[in-house]
N, C-alpha and C. Protein backbone atom coordinates (compact mmCIF):
# COMPACT_ATOMS: atom_id res chain seq x y z
N UNK A 1 72.14 -13.51 -46.45
CA UNK A 1 73.21 -12.83 -47.19
C UNK A 1 74.40 -12.72 -46.24
N UNK A 2 75.55 -12.70 -46.86
CA UNK A 2 76.72 -12.69 -46.01
C UNK A 2 77.69 -11.58 -46.42
N UNK A 3 78.61 -11.30 -45.56
CA UNK A 3 79.63 -10.31 -45.89
C UNK A 3 80.43 -10.77 -47.10
N UNK A 4 80.68 -12.09 -47.20
CA UNK A 4 81.44 -12.60 -48.35
C UNK A 4 80.74 -12.31 -49.70
N UNK A 5 79.43 -12.46 -49.70
CA UNK A 5 78.69 -12.15 -50.96
C UNK A 5 78.74 -10.67 -51.28
N UNK A 6 78.59 -9.82 -50.29
CA UNK A 6 78.68 -8.39 -50.53
C UNK A 6 80.04 -8.00 -51.05
N UNK A 7 81.11 -8.54 -50.44
CA UNK A 7 82.45 -8.23 -50.87
C UNK A 7 82.74 -8.76 -52.27
N UNK A 8 82.20 -9.94 -52.60
CA UNK A 8 82.34 -10.48 -53.93
C UNK A 8 81.74 -9.55 -54.97
N UNK A 9 80.51 -9.05 -54.67
CA UNK A 9 79.83 -8.15 -55.59
C UNK A 9 80.58 -6.82 -55.72
N UNK A 10 81.11 -6.30 -54.61
CA UNK A 10 81.91 -5.09 -54.66
C UNK A 10 83.15 -5.30 -55.51
N UNK A 11 83.86 -6.37 -55.29
CA UNK A 11 85.09 -6.65 -56.03
C UNK A 11 84.80 -6.82 -57.52
N UNK A 12 83.69 -7.47 -57.86
CA UNK A 12 83.34 -7.66 -59.29
C UNK A 12 83.11 -6.31 -59.99
N UNK A 13 82.71 -5.31 -59.22
CA UNK A 13 82.44 -3.98 -59.79
C UNK A 13 83.67 -3.04 -59.63
N UNK A 14 84.70 -3.53 -58.97
CA UNK A 14 85.85 -2.66 -58.68
C UNK A 14 85.48 -1.55 -57.74
N UNK A 15 84.56 -1.78 -56.82
CA UNK A 15 84.03 -0.76 -55.93
C UNK A 15 84.57 -0.95 -54.51
N UNK A 16 84.49 0.10 -53.70
CA UNK A 16 84.97 0.08 -52.33
C UNK A 16 83.85 0.36 -51.35
N UNK A 17 84.08 0.04 -50.08
CA UNK A 17 83.06 0.11 -49.02
C UNK A 17 83.63 0.80 -47.79
N UNK A 18 82.81 1.62 -47.17
CA UNK A 18 83.12 2.22 -45.85
C UNK A 18 81.86 2.02 -44.95
N UNK A 19 82.06 1.89 -43.66
CA UNK A 19 80.98 1.64 -42.74
C UNK A 19 80.99 2.65 -41.59
N UNK A 20 79.81 3.14 -41.25
CA UNK A 20 79.62 3.99 -40.08
C UNK A 20 78.70 3.27 -39.11
N UNK A 21 79.14 3.10 -37.87
CA UNK A 21 78.34 2.32 -36.92
C UNK A 21 78.10 3.08 -35.64
N UNK A 22 76.94 2.88 -35.08
CA UNK A 22 76.64 3.37 -33.76
C UNK A 22 76.32 2.17 -32.88
N UNK A 23 75.05 1.70 -32.86
CA UNK A 23 74.68 0.64 -31.90
C UNK A 23 75.48 -0.62 -32.12
N UNK A 24 75.94 -0.91 -33.32
CA UNK A 24 76.69 -2.14 -33.58
C UNK A 24 78.14 -2.04 -33.14
N UNK A 25 78.63 -0.84 -32.84
CA UNK A 25 79.95 -0.69 -32.21
C UNK A 25 81.10 -1.36 -32.93
N UNK A 26 81.07 -1.47 -34.21
CA UNK A 26 82.20 -2.07 -34.96
C UNK A 26 81.90 -3.52 -35.41
N UNK A 27 80.75 -4.04 -35.11
CA UNK A 27 80.46 -5.43 -35.49
C UNK A 27 80.31 -5.63 -36.98
N UNK A 28 79.81 -4.61 -37.71
CA UNK A 28 79.71 -4.75 -39.16
C UNK A 28 81.09 -4.80 -39.75
N UNK A 29 81.95 -3.88 -39.34
CA UNK A 29 83.34 -3.86 -39.82
C UNK A 29 84.03 -5.20 -39.47
N UNK A 30 83.82 -5.72 -38.30
CA UNK A 30 84.43 -6.99 -37.89
C UNK A 30 83.94 -8.13 -38.78
N UNK A 31 82.67 -8.15 -39.09
CA UNK A 31 82.13 -9.17 -39.98
C UNK A 31 82.76 -9.06 -41.38
N UNK A 32 82.85 -7.87 -41.86
CA UNK A 32 83.47 -7.65 -43.19
C UNK A 32 84.89 -8.10 -43.19
N UNK A 33 85.67 -7.71 -42.20
CA UNK A 33 87.10 -8.02 -42.20
C UNK A 33 87.40 -9.49 -41.87
N UNK A 34 86.41 -10.25 -41.47
CA UNK A 34 86.56 -11.71 -41.28
C UNK A 34 86.75 -12.42 -42.61
N UNK A 35 86.31 -11.76 -43.71
CA UNK A 35 86.34 -12.37 -45.04
C UNK A 35 87.76 -12.22 -45.60
N UNK A 36 88.40 -13.35 -45.96
CA UNK A 36 89.71 -13.24 -46.59
C UNK A 36 89.65 -12.35 -47.84
N UNK A 37 90.62 -11.45 -48.00
CA UNK A 37 90.67 -10.57 -49.14
C UNK A 37 89.82 -9.34 -49.02
N UNK A 38 89.27 -9.08 -47.83
CA UNK A 38 88.42 -7.88 -47.62
C UNK A 38 89.16 -6.61 -47.92
N UNK A 39 90.49 -6.61 -47.76
CA UNK A 39 91.24 -5.38 -47.97
C UNK A 39 91.22 -4.90 -49.41
N UNK A 40 90.78 -5.73 -50.33
CA UNK A 40 90.64 -5.30 -51.72
C UNK A 40 89.54 -4.28 -51.88
N UNK A 41 88.55 -4.32 -51.03
CA UNK A 41 87.37 -3.43 -51.22
C UNK A 41 87.02 -2.61 -49.97
N UNK A 42 87.43 -3.05 -48.80
CA UNK A 42 87.04 -2.36 -47.58
C UNK A 42 88.00 -1.25 -47.23
N UNK A 43 87.47 0.01 -47.22
CA UNK A 43 88.33 1.19 -46.93
C UNK A 43 88.50 1.39 -45.42
N UNK A 44 87.45 1.12 -44.62
CA UNK A 44 87.57 1.33 -43.21
C UNK A 44 86.21 1.65 -42.62
N UNK A 45 86.23 2.00 -41.33
CA UNK A 45 84.99 2.25 -40.64
C UNK A 45 85.18 3.36 -39.60
N UNK A 46 84.03 3.95 -39.17
CA UNK A 46 83.97 4.88 -38.10
C UNK A 46 82.92 4.41 -37.14
N UNK A 47 83.29 4.24 -35.88
CA UNK A 47 82.32 3.94 -34.85
C UNK A 47 82.00 5.23 -34.16
N UNK A 48 80.92 5.83 -34.54
CA UNK A 48 80.45 7.11 -33.98
C UNK A 48 79.38 6.81 -32.98
N UNK A 49 79.76 6.31 -31.84
CA UNK A 49 78.82 5.91 -30.81
C UNK A 49 78.21 7.12 -30.14
N UNK A 50 78.96 8.13 -29.88
CA UNK A 50 78.49 9.35 -29.25
C UNK A 50 77.82 10.20 -30.32
N UNK A 51 76.68 10.81 -30.00
CA UNK A 51 75.87 11.58 -30.92
C UNK A 51 76.69 12.73 -31.55
N UNK A 52 77.53 13.40 -30.75
CA UNK A 52 78.26 14.55 -31.33
C UNK A 52 79.27 14.08 -32.37
N UNK A 53 79.73 12.81 -32.30
CA UNK A 53 80.66 12.35 -33.31
C UNK A 53 79.96 12.13 -34.67
N UNK A 54 78.69 11.84 -34.61
CA UNK A 54 77.95 11.72 -35.86
C UNK A 54 77.98 13.05 -36.62
N UNK A 55 77.89 14.11 -35.87
CA UNK A 55 77.96 15.49 -36.44
C UNK A 55 79.41 15.83 -36.81
N UNK A 56 80.31 15.68 -35.89
CA UNK A 56 81.70 16.15 -36.06
C UNK A 56 82.49 15.33 -37.06
N UNK A 57 82.31 14.01 -37.10
CA UNK A 57 83.08 13.16 -38.01
C UNK A 57 82.36 12.84 -39.30
N UNK A 58 81.04 12.63 -39.21
CA UNK A 58 80.33 12.13 -40.36
C UNK A 58 79.48 13.20 -41.03
N UNK A 59 79.45 14.41 -40.47
CA UNK A 59 78.75 15.51 -41.11
C UNK A 59 77.24 15.44 -40.99
N UNK A 60 76.68 14.68 -40.05
CA UNK A 60 75.25 14.66 -39.86
C UNK A 60 74.82 16.06 -39.38
N UNK A 61 73.78 16.59 -39.97
CA UNK A 61 73.27 17.93 -39.61
C UNK A 61 72.96 18.04 -38.14
N UNK A 62 73.55 18.99 -37.46
CA UNK A 62 73.30 19.22 -36.05
C UNK A 62 71.84 19.52 -35.69
N UNK A 63 71.17 20.24 -36.59
CA UNK A 63 69.75 20.51 -36.34
C UNK A 63 68.89 19.29 -36.44
N UNK A 64 69.25 18.40 -37.37
CA UNK A 64 68.54 17.11 -37.48
C UNK A 64 68.72 16.29 -36.20
N UNK A 65 69.92 16.24 -35.71
CA UNK A 65 70.21 15.49 -34.48
C UNK A 65 69.48 16.09 -33.31
N UNK A 66 69.47 17.42 -33.21
CA UNK A 66 68.78 18.09 -32.11
C UNK A 66 67.27 17.89 -32.16
N UNK A 67 66.72 17.89 -33.36
CA UNK A 67 65.26 17.77 -33.51
C UNK A 67 64.77 16.32 -33.34
N UNK A 68 65.53 15.37 -33.86
CA UNK A 68 65.02 14.00 -33.91
C UNK A 68 65.83 13.01 -33.08
N UNK A 69 67.03 13.38 -32.70
CA UNK A 69 67.92 12.44 -32.01
C UNK A 69 68.67 11.61 -33.04
N UNK A 70 69.53 10.74 -32.46
CA UNK A 70 70.40 9.93 -33.34
C UNK A 70 69.70 8.71 -33.90
N UNK A 71 68.57 8.33 -33.31
CA UNK A 71 67.87 7.10 -33.75
C UNK A 71 66.81 7.57 -34.76
N UNK A 72 67.20 7.71 -35.99
CA UNK A 72 66.32 8.30 -37.01
C UNK A 72 66.75 7.81 -38.38
N UNK A 73 65.82 7.58 -39.30
CA UNK A 73 66.21 7.11 -40.64
C UNK A 73 67.05 8.12 -41.42
N UNK A 74 66.76 9.40 -41.27
CA UNK A 74 67.54 10.39 -42.00
C UNK A 74 68.95 10.50 -41.44
N UNK A 75 69.11 10.24 -40.15
CA UNK A 75 70.44 10.22 -39.53
C UNK A 75 71.21 9.03 -40.11
N UNK A 76 70.58 7.86 -40.24
CA UNK A 76 71.27 6.71 -40.84
C UNK A 76 71.75 7.02 -42.24
N UNK A 77 70.89 7.64 -43.01
CA UNK A 77 71.26 8.02 -44.40
C UNK A 77 72.44 8.98 -44.42
N UNK A 78 72.40 9.98 -43.55
CA UNK A 78 73.47 10.98 -43.46
C UNK A 78 74.78 10.32 -43.01
N UNK A 79 74.71 9.38 -42.11
CA UNK A 79 75.89 8.68 -41.64
C UNK A 79 76.51 7.89 -42.78
N UNK A 80 75.69 7.18 -43.57
CA UNK A 80 76.18 6.39 -44.69
C UNK A 80 76.85 7.28 -45.73
N UNK A 81 76.18 8.43 -46.03
CA UNK A 81 76.78 9.39 -46.99
C UNK A 81 78.06 9.99 -46.42
N UNK A 82 78.05 10.32 -45.14
CA UNK A 82 79.22 10.92 -44.51
C UNK A 82 80.48 10.02 -44.53
N UNK A 83 80.26 8.75 -44.17
CA UNK A 83 81.39 7.84 -44.13
C UNK A 83 81.88 7.53 -45.52
N UNK A 84 81.00 7.50 -46.47
CA UNK A 84 81.39 7.24 -47.87
C UNK A 84 82.29 8.38 -48.31
N UNK A 85 81.91 9.60 -48.01
CA UNK A 85 82.72 10.79 -48.40
C UNK A 85 84.02 10.86 -47.61
N UNK A 86 83.92 10.69 -46.31
CA UNK A 86 85.08 10.78 -45.43
C UNK A 86 86.18 9.80 -45.79
N UNK A 87 85.79 8.55 -46.09
CA UNK A 87 86.78 7.53 -46.37
C UNK A 87 87.00 7.28 -47.86
N UNK A 88 86.35 8.05 -48.71
CA UNK A 88 86.60 7.95 -50.15
C UNK A 88 86.13 6.62 -50.73
N UNK A 89 84.96 6.17 -50.33
CA UNK A 89 84.45 4.86 -50.79
C UNK A 89 83.32 5.04 -51.80
N UNK A 90 83.11 4.04 -52.62
CA UNK A 90 82.01 4.04 -53.55
C UNK A 90 80.67 3.75 -52.85
N UNK A 91 80.72 3.00 -51.82
CA UNK A 91 79.51 2.58 -51.05
C UNK A 91 79.71 2.83 -49.57
N UNK A 92 78.62 3.28 -48.91
CA UNK A 92 78.64 3.49 -47.48
C UNK A 92 77.49 2.78 -46.82
N UNK A 93 77.75 2.21 -45.63
CA UNK A 93 76.71 1.51 -44.87
C UNK A 93 76.72 2.16 -43.49
N UNK A 94 75.51 2.30 -42.90
CA UNK A 94 75.40 2.90 -41.55
C UNK A 94 74.35 2.18 -40.73
N UNK A 95 74.65 2.16 -39.45
CA UNK A 95 73.70 1.60 -38.45
C UNK A 95 73.52 2.58 -37.31
N UNK A 96 72.27 2.75 -36.88
CA UNK A 96 71.98 3.55 -35.68
C UNK A 96 70.71 2.99 -35.08
N UNK A 97 70.61 3.04 -33.75
CA UNK A 97 69.42 2.53 -33.10
C UNK A 97 69.60 2.31 -31.61
N UNK A 98 68.71 1.55 -31.03
CA UNK A 98 68.69 1.32 -29.58
C UNK A 98 68.79 -0.17 -29.31
N UNK A 99 69.92 -0.59 -28.81
CA UNK A 99 70.11 -2.00 -28.47
C UNK A 99 69.73 -2.29 -27.01
N UNK A 100 69.54 -1.28 -26.21
CA UNK A 100 69.11 -1.44 -24.83
C UNK A 100 70.28 -1.37 -23.87
N UNK A 101 69.99 -1.44 -22.63
CA UNK A 101 68.77 -1.91 -22.04
C UNK A 101 67.66 -0.88 -21.88
N UNK A 102 67.98 0.43 -22.09
CA UNK A 102 67.01 1.51 -21.87
C UNK A 102 66.67 2.15 -23.19
N UNK A 103 65.48 2.75 -23.31
CA UNK A 103 65.12 3.50 -24.49
C UNK A 103 66.07 4.71 -24.68
N UNK A 104 66.16 5.24 -25.88
CA UNK A 104 67.01 6.38 -26.19
C UNK A 104 66.27 7.33 -27.11
N UNK A 105 66.42 8.58 -26.89
CA UNK A 105 65.79 9.61 -27.76
C UNK A 105 64.29 9.39 -27.93
N UNK A 106 63.67 8.82 -26.91
CA UNK A 106 62.22 8.51 -27.02
C UNK A 106 61.89 7.29 -27.84
N UNK A 107 62.91 6.55 -28.21
CA UNK A 107 62.69 5.34 -29.05
C UNK A 107 62.89 4.12 -28.20
N UNK A 108 61.95 3.13 -28.41
CA UNK A 108 62.10 1.91 -27.60
C UNK A 108 63.26 1.01 -28.00
N UNK A 109 63.66 0.17 -27.08
CA UNK A 109 64.69 -0.80 -27.35
C UNK A 109 64.27 -1.65 -28.58
N UNK A 110 65.19 -1.88 -29.46
CA UNK A 110 64.94 -2.67 -30.68
C UNK A 110 64.62 -1.80 -31.90
N UNK A 111 64.52 -0.50 -31.72
CA UNK A 111 64.36 0.41 -32.88
C UNK A 111 65.71 0.61 -33.54
N UNK A 112 65.78 0.28 -34.83
CA UNK A 112 67.04 0.34 -35.56
C UNK A 112 66.79 0.90 -36.93
N UNK A 113 67.76 1.72 -37.39
CA UNK A 113 67.73 2.24 -38.76
C UNK A 113 69.07 1.93 -39.42
N UNK A 114 68.99 1.40 -40.61
CA UNK A 114 70.21 1.11 -41.39
C UNK A 114 70.06 1.78 -42.74
N UNK A 115 71.18 2.15 -43.32
CA UNK A 115 71.18 2.81 -44.61
C UNK A 115 72.40 2.36 -45.40
N UNK A 116 72.19 2.30 -46.72
CA UNK A 116 73.26 2.01 -47.67
C UNK A 116 73.19 3.05 -48.76
N UNK A 117 74.31 3.69 -49.04
CA UNK A 117 74.34 4.65 -50.13
C UNK A 117 75.47 4.31 -51.08
N UNK A 118 75.23 4.56 -52.31
CA UNK A 118 76.22 4.27 -53.35
C UNK A 118 75.94 5.11 -54.59
N UNK A 119 76.56 4.76 -55.67
CA UNK A 119 76.45 5.56 -56.89
C UNK A 119 75.06 5.67 -57.45
N UNK A 120 74.15 4.76 -57.04
CA UNK A 120 72.82 4.69 -57.62
C UNK A 120 71.73 5.15 -56.66
N UNK A 121 72.11 5.74 -55.54
CA UNK A 121 71.13 6.24 -54.58
C UNK A 121 71.31 5.65 -53.19
N UNK A 122 70.28 5.88 -52.37
CA UNK A 122 70.34 5.44 -50.98
C UNK A 122 69.16 4.56 -50.68
N UNK A 123 69.42 3.43 -50.03
CA UNK A 123 68.42 2.52 -49.54
C UNK A 123 68.43 2.61 -48.03
N UNK A 124 67.27 2.53 -47.42
CA UNK A 124 67.24 2.51 -45.95
C UNK A 124 66.16 1.55 -45.51
N UNK A 125 66.35 1.09 -44.29
CA UNK A 125 65.41 0.14 -43.69
C UNK A 125 65.25 0.44 -42.21
N UNK A 126 63.99 0.44 -41.77
CA UNK A 126 63.69 0.58 -40.35
C UNK A 126 63.35 -0.81 -39.80
N UNK A 127 63.91 -1.10 -38.66
CA UNK A 127 63.67 -2.40 -38.01
C UNK A 127 63.10 -2.24 -36.64
N UNK A 128 62.27 -3.15 -36.22
CA UNK A 128 61.85 -3.27 -34.81
C UNK A 128 62.22 -4.67 -34.41
N UNK A 129 63.26 -4.79 -33.63
CA UNK A 129 63.81 -6.07 -33.27
C UNK A 129 63.51 -6.43 -31.83
N UNK A 130 63.24 -7.69 -31.60
CA UNK A 130 63.06 -8.19 -30.24
C UNK A 130 64.30 -8.89 -29.78
N UNK A 131 64.45 -9.03 -28.49
CA UNK A 131 65.58 -9.79 -27.98
C UNK A 131 66.42 -8.96 -27.08
N UNK A 132 67.51 -9.55 -26.64
CA UNK A 132 68.44 -8.85 -25.75
C UNK A 132 69.41 -8.01 -26.57
N UNK A 133 70.21 -7.27 -25.85
CA UNK A 133 71.18 -6.34 -26.47
C UNK A 133 72.04 -7.01 -27.57
N UNK A 134 72.63 -8.16 -27.22
CA UNK A 134 73.52 -8.85 -28.12
C UNK A 134 72.73 -9.29 -29.36
N UNK A 135 71.55 -9.82 -29.15
CA UNK A 135 70.74 -10.31 -30.27
C UNK A 135 70.34 -9.21 -31.21
N UNK A 136 69.97 -8.07 -30.64
CA UNK A 136 69.58 -6.89 -31.48
C UNK A 136 70.79 -6.43 -32.29
N UNK A 137 71.92 -6.38 -31.70
CA UNK A 137 73.13 -5.95 -32.41
C UNK A 137 73.49 -6.92 -33.53
N UNK A 138 73.42 -8.22 -33.25
CA UNK A 138 73.75 -9.21 -34.32
C UNK A 138 72.74 -9.17 -35.44
N UNK A 139 71.46 -9.05 -35.10
CA UNK A 139 70.41 -8.96 -36.13
C UNK A 139 70.60 -7.72 -37.00
N UNK A 140 71.08 -6.62 -36.39
CA UNK A 140 71.32 -5.42 -37.13
C UNK A 140 72.45 -5.59 -38.14
N UNK A 141 73.53 -6.29 -37.71
CA UNK A 141 74.62 -6.58 -38.64
C UNK A 141 74.11 -7.38 -39.81
N UNK A 142 73.32 -8.42 -39.57
CA UNK A 142 72.80 -9.25 -40.67
C UNK A 142 71.96 -8.40 -41.58
N UNK A 143 71.06 -7.59 -41.05
CA UNK A 143 70.18 -6.75 -41.87
C UNK A 143 70.98 -5.73 -42.66
N UNK A 144 72.04 -5.14 -42.11
CA UNK A 144 72.83 -4.19 -42.83
C UNK A 144 73.56 -4.85 -44.03
N UNK A 145 74.05 -6.04 -43.82
CA UNK A 145 74.77 -6.74 -44.89
C UNK A 145 73.75 -7.18 -45.97
N UNK A 146 72.54 -7.55 -45.56
CA UNK A 146 71.51 -7.92 -46.51
C UNK A 146 71.09 -6.69 -47.36
N UNK A 147 70.96 -5.55 -46.71
CA UNK A 147 70.58 -4.31 -47.45
C UNK A 147 71.69 -3.95 -48.44
N UNK A 148 72.95 -4.05 -48.01
CA UNK A 148 74.06 -3.79 -48.90
C UNK A 148 74.03 -4.72 -50.11
N UNK A 149 73.84 -6.00 -49.86
CA UNK A 149 73.84 -7.02 -50.92
C UNK A 149 72.68 -6.72 -51.90
N UNK A 150 71.53 -6.42 -51.33
CA UNK A 150 70.36 -6.08 -52.20
C UNK A 150 70.66 -4.84 -53.05
N UNK A 151 71.26 -3.83 -52.47
CA UNK A 151 71.58 -2.60 -53.22
C UNK A 151 72.58 -2.92 -54.30
N UNK A 152 73.55 -3.76 -54.04
CA UNK A 152 74.55 -4.14 -55.03
C UNK A 152 73.91 -4.95 -56.19
N UNK A 153 72.96 -5.80 -55.87
CA UNK A 153 72.23 -6.55 -56.91
C UNK A 153 71.41 -5.59 -57.73
N UNK A 154 70.97 -4.47 -57.13
CA UNK A 154 70.16 -3.48 -57.84
C UNK A 154 70.97 -2.54 -58.70
N UNK A 155 72.29 -2.59 -58.57
CA UNK A 155 73.15 -1.72 -59.39
C UNK A 155 73.05 -2.20 -60.84
N UNK A 156 73.43 -1.38 -61.79
CA UNK A 156 73.38 -1.79 -63.21
C UNK A 156 73.97 -3.18 -63.41
N UNK A 157 73.21 -4.01 -64.10
CA UNK A 157 73.61 -5.38 -64.32
C UNK A 157 73.08 -6.34 -63.27
N UNK A 158 72.43 -5.86 -62.25
CA UNK A 158 71.89 -6.71 -61.23
C UNK A 158 70.40 -6.62 -61.18
N UNK A 159 69.76 -7.18 -60.13
CA UNK A 159 68.32 -7.15 -60.07
C UNK A 159 67.89 -5.80 -59.54
N UNK A 160 66.65 -5.38 -59.80
CA UNK A 160 66.15 -4.06 -59.39
C UNK A 160 65.82 -3.99 -57.93
N UNK A 161 66.24 -2.92 -57.33
CA UNK A 161 65.88 -2.59 -55.92
C UNK A 161 65.36 -1.20 -55.89
N UNK A 162 64.27 -0.97 -55.18
CA UNK A 162 63.69 0.35 -55.08
C UNK A 162 64.61 1.17 -54.14
N UNK A 163 65.29 2.16 -54.68
CA UNK A 163 66.26 2.90 -53.93
C UNK A 163 65.64 3.69 -52.77
N UNK A 164 64.36 3.95 -52.81
CA UNK A 164 63.72 4.64 -51.70
C UNK A 164 63.01 3.75 -50.74
N UNK A 165 63.19 2.47 -50.86
CA UNK A 165 62.46 1.52 -50.03
C UNK A 165 62.78 1.67 -48.56
N UNK A 166 61.75 1.56 -47.77
CA UNK A 166 61.94 1.57 -46.31
C UNK A 166 61.00 0.52 -45.75
N UNK A 167 61.55 -0.53 -45.20
CA UNK A 167 60.78 -1.60 -44.62
C UNK A 167 60.87 -1.55 -43.12
N UNK A 168 59.80 -2.01 -42.51
CA UNK A 168 59.84 -2.18 -41.07
C UNK A 168 59.70 -3.67 -40.80
N UNK A 169 60.70 -4.23 -40.13
CA UNK A 169 60.69 -5.66 -39.90
C UNK A 169 60.59 -5.92 -38.43
N UNK A 170 59.89 -6.96 -38.10
CA UNK A 170 59.80 -7.42 -36.69
C UNK A 170 60.44 -8.76 -36.65
N UNK A 171 61.24 -8.99 -35.65
CA UNK A 171 61.87 -10.30 -35.55
C UNK A 171 62.58 -10.46 -34.24
N UNK A 172 62.81 -11.66 -33.91
CA UNK A 172 63.57 -11.92 -32.68
C UNK A 172 65.07 -11.72 -32.86
N UNK A 173 65.70 -11.55 -31.80
CA UNK A 173 67.15 -11.45 -31.84
C UNK A 173 67.77 -12.79 -32.14
N UNK A 174 69.02 -12.74 -32.53
CA UNK A 174 69.73 -13.97 -32.88
C UNK A 174 70.23 -14.66 -31.64
């Protein structure tokens, strides 16, 4: 799945997108803005790399962050919901995880959580990725765009997607 396909589906619905990124550091937004005409649907992004910015900018619950750390599926969901609200978008995408080289919040390198939220609910996916830092980050971008595209296909008029689905995938870096 590609950013172009996701943007095509968003445009067909007259919908907008916002992105919240941590470990990907802006790579999802960069991939989206590579597509000609992205400005028709892309509202913007927040790179909340520091944990406190997830709370301060995106509204992630401070108690959740204190209890579980930033590398958590519920944090990814809250980030997606927060950026959607902050930037006034119909759909929000979020990435959080550990690209390495060291573990974070007790989570090993390659632990990633992505979330997509929109008018029909929230989808999330947990990933366990192998590879180096760059490969983990690129694989996360691909997975986030795939999750968004799947969610858009699951919107009314598209194919069904279980809004509560959480998959754990193992794979090598790109």
